Amino acid sequence: GPVSDAELRSYCDAYAATAATSSVAVFTGSLPTGVDPSFYRRLADLAPGRIIADVRGEELLQLLDGPRKPLLVKPNREELAKTVGHAIDGDDGLIAAMREVNERGAAWVVVSQGKDALWASSKTDGVYKFTPPKPEQVVNPIGCGDCLCAGIAATLADGGDVRMPLTPTFWSPCFGMLTDRFGIGWMVNVPGD
């Protein structure tokens, strides 16, 4: 059912206390009935660290319109269509919709599609398509995007840092570098065309 104003205030107070010492905040899921779509934007104002948002539609638009922009937003294809307000046809349509969200302030837009390709669009570094290995059997793709957000957030919160975003190079269709929490540098080199 609906959440009372007192419950929302209590949540915001607890969130503010926790967020004050956090390096990453993750906003995910639909808001309860009756909660204003600007709620995630309100929470973003309380979070000093980086923001990852797995939300869609008006909630995401409100967040993007606020002063604290998310580092990364991770809708699935259908949620992205709802956010931009039009159907997404083909890969070109997907890229255009991702770019719309980049232009509104998200540094990265990552679109999950269950067992299908994962797309990433950077505000400054291009668009990338990652095709996962085909599993023998997909039982249910629900939760894949949540796991992806959790992995990204955990890496960032654990002191990881991206040194070179994934990008095409003359030797690889996708190359990037990061440093883990121990200061060890890693290079990701995807073979292929």
Protein backbone atom coordinates (compact mmCIF):
# COMPACT_ATOMS: atom_id res chain seq x y z
CA GLY A 1 0.00 0.00 0.00
CA PRO A 2 0.89 3.67 0.08
CA VAL A 3 3.78 4.89 2.23
CA SER A 4 3.03 7.59 4.80
CA ASP A 5 4.87 10.91 4.98
CA ALA A 6 6.27 9.87 8.38
CA GLU A 7 7.66 6.64 6.89
CA LEU A 8 9.28 8.58 4.04
CA ARG A 9 10.85 11.08 6.45
CA SER A 10 12.16 8.22 8.59
CA TYR A 11 13.62 6.51 5.51
CA CYS A 12 15.25 9.73 4.29
CA ASP A 13 16.82 10.34 7.71
CA ALA A 14 18.26 6.80 7.84
CA TYR A 15 19.39 7.06 4.21
CA ALA A 16 21.11 10.42 4.79
CA ALA A 17 23.07 8.99 7.73
CA THR A 18 24.24 6.00 5.69
CA ALA A 19 24.84 7.91 2.44
CA ALA A 20 27.05 10.44 4.20
CA THR A 21 29.80 7.83 4.49
CA SER A 22 29.13 5.92 1.26
CA SER A 23 31.12 6.25 -1.93
CA VAL A 24 28.37 4.79 -4.15
CA ALA A 25 24.58 4.93 -3.95
CA VAL A 26 22.38 2.58 -5.99
CA PHE A 27 18.77 3.53 -6.74
CA THR A 28 16.74 0.64 -8.03
CA GLY A 29 13.16 -0.38 -8.54
CA SER A 30 9.77 1.24 -8.80
CA LEU A 31 8.67 3.71 -6.17
CA PRO A 32 5.76 2.80 -3.90
CA THR A 33 2.29 4.05 -4.76
CA GLY A 34 1.89 7.73 -4.03
CA VAL A 35 5.60 8.55 -3.75
CA ASP A 36 6.54 11.54 -5.87
CA PRO A 37 8.65 10.63 -8.96
CA SER A 38 11.28 13.13 -7.78
CA PHE A 39 12.09 10.95 -4.74
CA TYR A 40 15.31 9.51 -6.24
CA ARG A 41 16.37 13.05 -7.12
CA ARG A 42 15.82 13.98 -3.48
CA LEU A 43 17.96 11.04 -2.36
CA ALA A 44 20.69 12.00 -4.86
CA ASP A 45 21.00 15.38 -3.14
CA LEU A 46 21.87 13.51 0.08
CA ALA A 47 24.48 11.22 -1.50
CA PRO A 48 28.03 12.62 -1.74
CA GLY A 49 29.32 9.65 -3.76
CA ARG A 50 28.69 8.32 -7.23
CA ILE A 51 25.15 7.32 -8.20
CA ILE A 52 24.04 4.25 -10.12
CA ALA A 53 20.37 4.19 -11.09
CA ASP A 54 18.41 1.15 -12.22
CA VAL A 55 15.16 3.06 -12.64
CA ARG A 56 12.99 4.12 -15.55
CA GLY A 57 10.41 6.55 -16.81
CA GLU A 58 9.52 9.67 -14.88
CA GLU A 59 11.65 8.65 -11.87
CA LEU A 60 14.76 8.55 -14.08
CA LEU A 61 13.86 11.77 -15.91
CA GLN A 62 13.43 13.58 -12.59
CA LEU A 63 16.80 12.27 -11.40
CA LEU A 64 18.49 13.40 -14.62
CA ASP A 65 16.95 16.86 -14.26
CA GLY A 66 18.45 17.31 -10.79
CA PRO A 67 21.80 18.87 -9.94
CA ARG A 68 23.43 15.53 -9.00
CA LYS A 69 23.75 13.48 -12.19
CA PRO A 70 24.13 9.71 -12.06
CA LEU A 71 27.41 8.13 -13.10
CA LEU A 72 25.51 5.26 -14.66
CA VAL A 73 21.91 4.39 -15.46
CA LYS A 74 20.95 0.82 -16.29
CA PRO A 75 17.51 0.36 -17.80
CA ASN A 76 16.58 -2.61 -19.92
CA ARG A 77 15.42 -1.94 -23.48
CA GLU A 78 11.72 -1.66 -22.56
CA GLU A 79 12.47 0.64 -19.61
CA LEU A 80 14.61 2.84 -21.84
CA ALA A 81 11.73 3.14 -24.33
CA LYS A 82 9.41 4.17 -21.50
CA THR A 83 11.95 6.76 -20.36
CA VAL A 84 12.48 8.40 -23.76
CA GLY A 85 8.79 8.17 -24.60
CA HIS A 86 8.97 6.31 -27.90
CA ALA A 87 9.50 2.86 -29.36
CA ILE A 88 13.07 1.72 -29.95
CA ASP A 89 13.52 0.08 -33.34
CA GLY A 90 16.72 -1.82 -34.07
CA ASP A 91 20.25 -1.13 -32.91
CA ASP A 92 20.30 2.41 -34.34
CA GLY A 93 17.16 3.27 -32.41
CA LEU A 94 18.66 1.83 -29.24
CA ILE A 95 21.84 3.87 -29.65
CA ALA A 96 19.84 7.04 -30.30
CA ALA A 97 17.74 6.47 -27.16
CA MET A 98 20.87 5.82 -25.08
CA ARG A 99 22.39 9.04 -26.41
CA GLU A 100 19.24 10.94 -25.38
CA VAL A 101 19.81 9.82 -21.79
CA ASN A 102 23.54 10.65 -22.00
CA GLU A 103 22.62 14.15 -23.20
CA ARG A 104 20.32 14.58 -20.20
CA GLY A 105 23.25 14.00 -17.86
CA ALA A 106 24.06 10.31 -17.35
CA ALA A 107 27.78 9.72 -17.87
CA TRP A 108 27.08 6.09 -18.84
CA VAL A 109 23.95 4.32 -20.04
CA VAL A 110 24.08 0.53 -19.88
CA VAL A 111 21.16 -1.36 -21.41
CA SER A 112 20.68 -4.98 -20.44
CA GLN A 113 18.62 -7.37 -22.52
CA GLY A 114 18.59 -10.56 -20.45
CA LYS A 115 20.55 -13.22 -22.31
CA ASP A 116 21.13 -10.96 -25.33
CA ALA A 117 23.79 -8.32 -25.97
CA LEU A 118 24.59 -5.67 -23.39
CA TRP A 119 25.02 -2.13 -24.73
CA ALA A 120 26.96 0.71 -23.09
CA SER A 121 26.98 4.35 -24.14
CA SER A 122 29.37 6.88 -22.68
CA LYS A 123 28.77 10.59 -22.70
CA THR A 124 32.33 11.06 -23.96
CA ASP A 125 33.73 7.70 -25.11
CA GLY A 126 31.37 6.09 -27.61
CA VAL A 127 28.98 3.14 -27.77
CA TYR A 128 29.89 -0.47 -27.08
CA LYS A 129 28.12 -3.76 -27.63
CA PHE A 130 29.04 -6.78 -25.55
CA THR A 131 27.75 -10.17 -26.61
CA PRO A 132 27.84 -12.64 -23.73
CA PRO A 133 28.62 -16.31 -24.28
CA LYS A 134 25.46 -18.30 -24.97
CA PRO A 135 24.40 -20.30 -21.93
CA GLU A 136 23.14 -23.80 -22.46
CA GLN A 137 19.85 -22.94 -20.79
CA VAL A 138 18.34 -19.69 -19.61
CA VAL A 139 15.84 -20.36 -16.89
CA ASN A 140 14.85 -16.77 -16.14
CA PRO A 141 16.71 -13.54 -16.96
CA ILE A 142 14.94 -11.57 -14.20
CA GLY A 143 17.53 -10.09 -11.88
CA CYS A 144 20.39 -10.03 -14.41
CA GLY A 145 20.38 -6.24 -14.51
CA ASP A 146 20.23 -6.03 -10.71
CA CYS A 147 23.30 -8.27 -10.48
CA LEU A 148 25.09 -6.11 -13.04
CA CYS A 149 24.39 -2.95 -11.02
CA ALA A 150 25.52 -4.66 -7.83
CA GLY A 151 28.80 -5.74 -9.44
CA ILE A 152 29.53 -2.26 -10.76
CA ALA A 153 28.65 -0.64 -7.43
CA ALA A 154 30.71 -3.13 -5.42
CA THR A 155 33.76 -2.56 -7.62
CA LEU A 156 33.47 1.23 -7.33
CA ALA A 157 32.78 1.11 -3.57
CA ASP A 158 35.71 -1.24 -3.04
CA GLY A 159 38.14 1.35 -4.32
CA GLY A 160 38.26 0.35 -7.96
CA ASP A 161 38.78 3.05 -10.53
CA VAL A 162 38.45 3.11 -14.30
CA ARG A 163 41.68 4.39 -15.89
CA MET A 164 40.62 3.96 -19.53
CA PRO A 165 36.97 3.28 -20.36
CA LEU A 166 36.30 0.41 -22.73
CA THR A 167 36.95 1.67 -26.22
CA PRO A 168 37.87 0.36 -29.67
CA THR A 169 41.58 0.48 -30.51
CA PHE A 170 43.58 -0.46 -33.59
CA TRP A 171 44.37 -3.86 -32.00
CA SER A 172 41.04 -4.67 -30.36
CA PRO A 173 37.35 -3.89 -30.79
CA CYS A 174 37.20 -3.26 -27.04
CA PHE A 175 40.06 -2.37 -24.69
CA GLY A 176 40.07 -0.77 -21.25
CA MET A 177 42.10 -0.40 -18.06
CA LEU A 178 41.20 -0.24 -14.38
CA THR A 179 42.93 -0.23 -11.03
CA ASP A 180 41.58 -2.44 -8.26
CA ARG A 181 41.45 -1.54 -4.57
CA PHE A 182 44.94 -2.94 -4.03
CA GLY A 183 46.41 -0.60 -6.63
CA ILE A 184 46.91 -3.39 -9.15
CA GLY A 185 46.31 -2.36 -12.74
CA TRP A 186 44.19 -4.53 -15.01
CA MET A 187 43.74 -4.43 -18.75
CA VAL A 188 40.69 -5.81 -20.53
CA ASN A 189 41.36 -6.78 -24.14
CA VAL A 190 38.48 -8.32 -26.08
CA PRO A 191 39.65 -10.28 -29.10
CA GLY A 192 37.81 -10.17 -32.39
CA ASP A 193 36.81 -7.74 -35.09
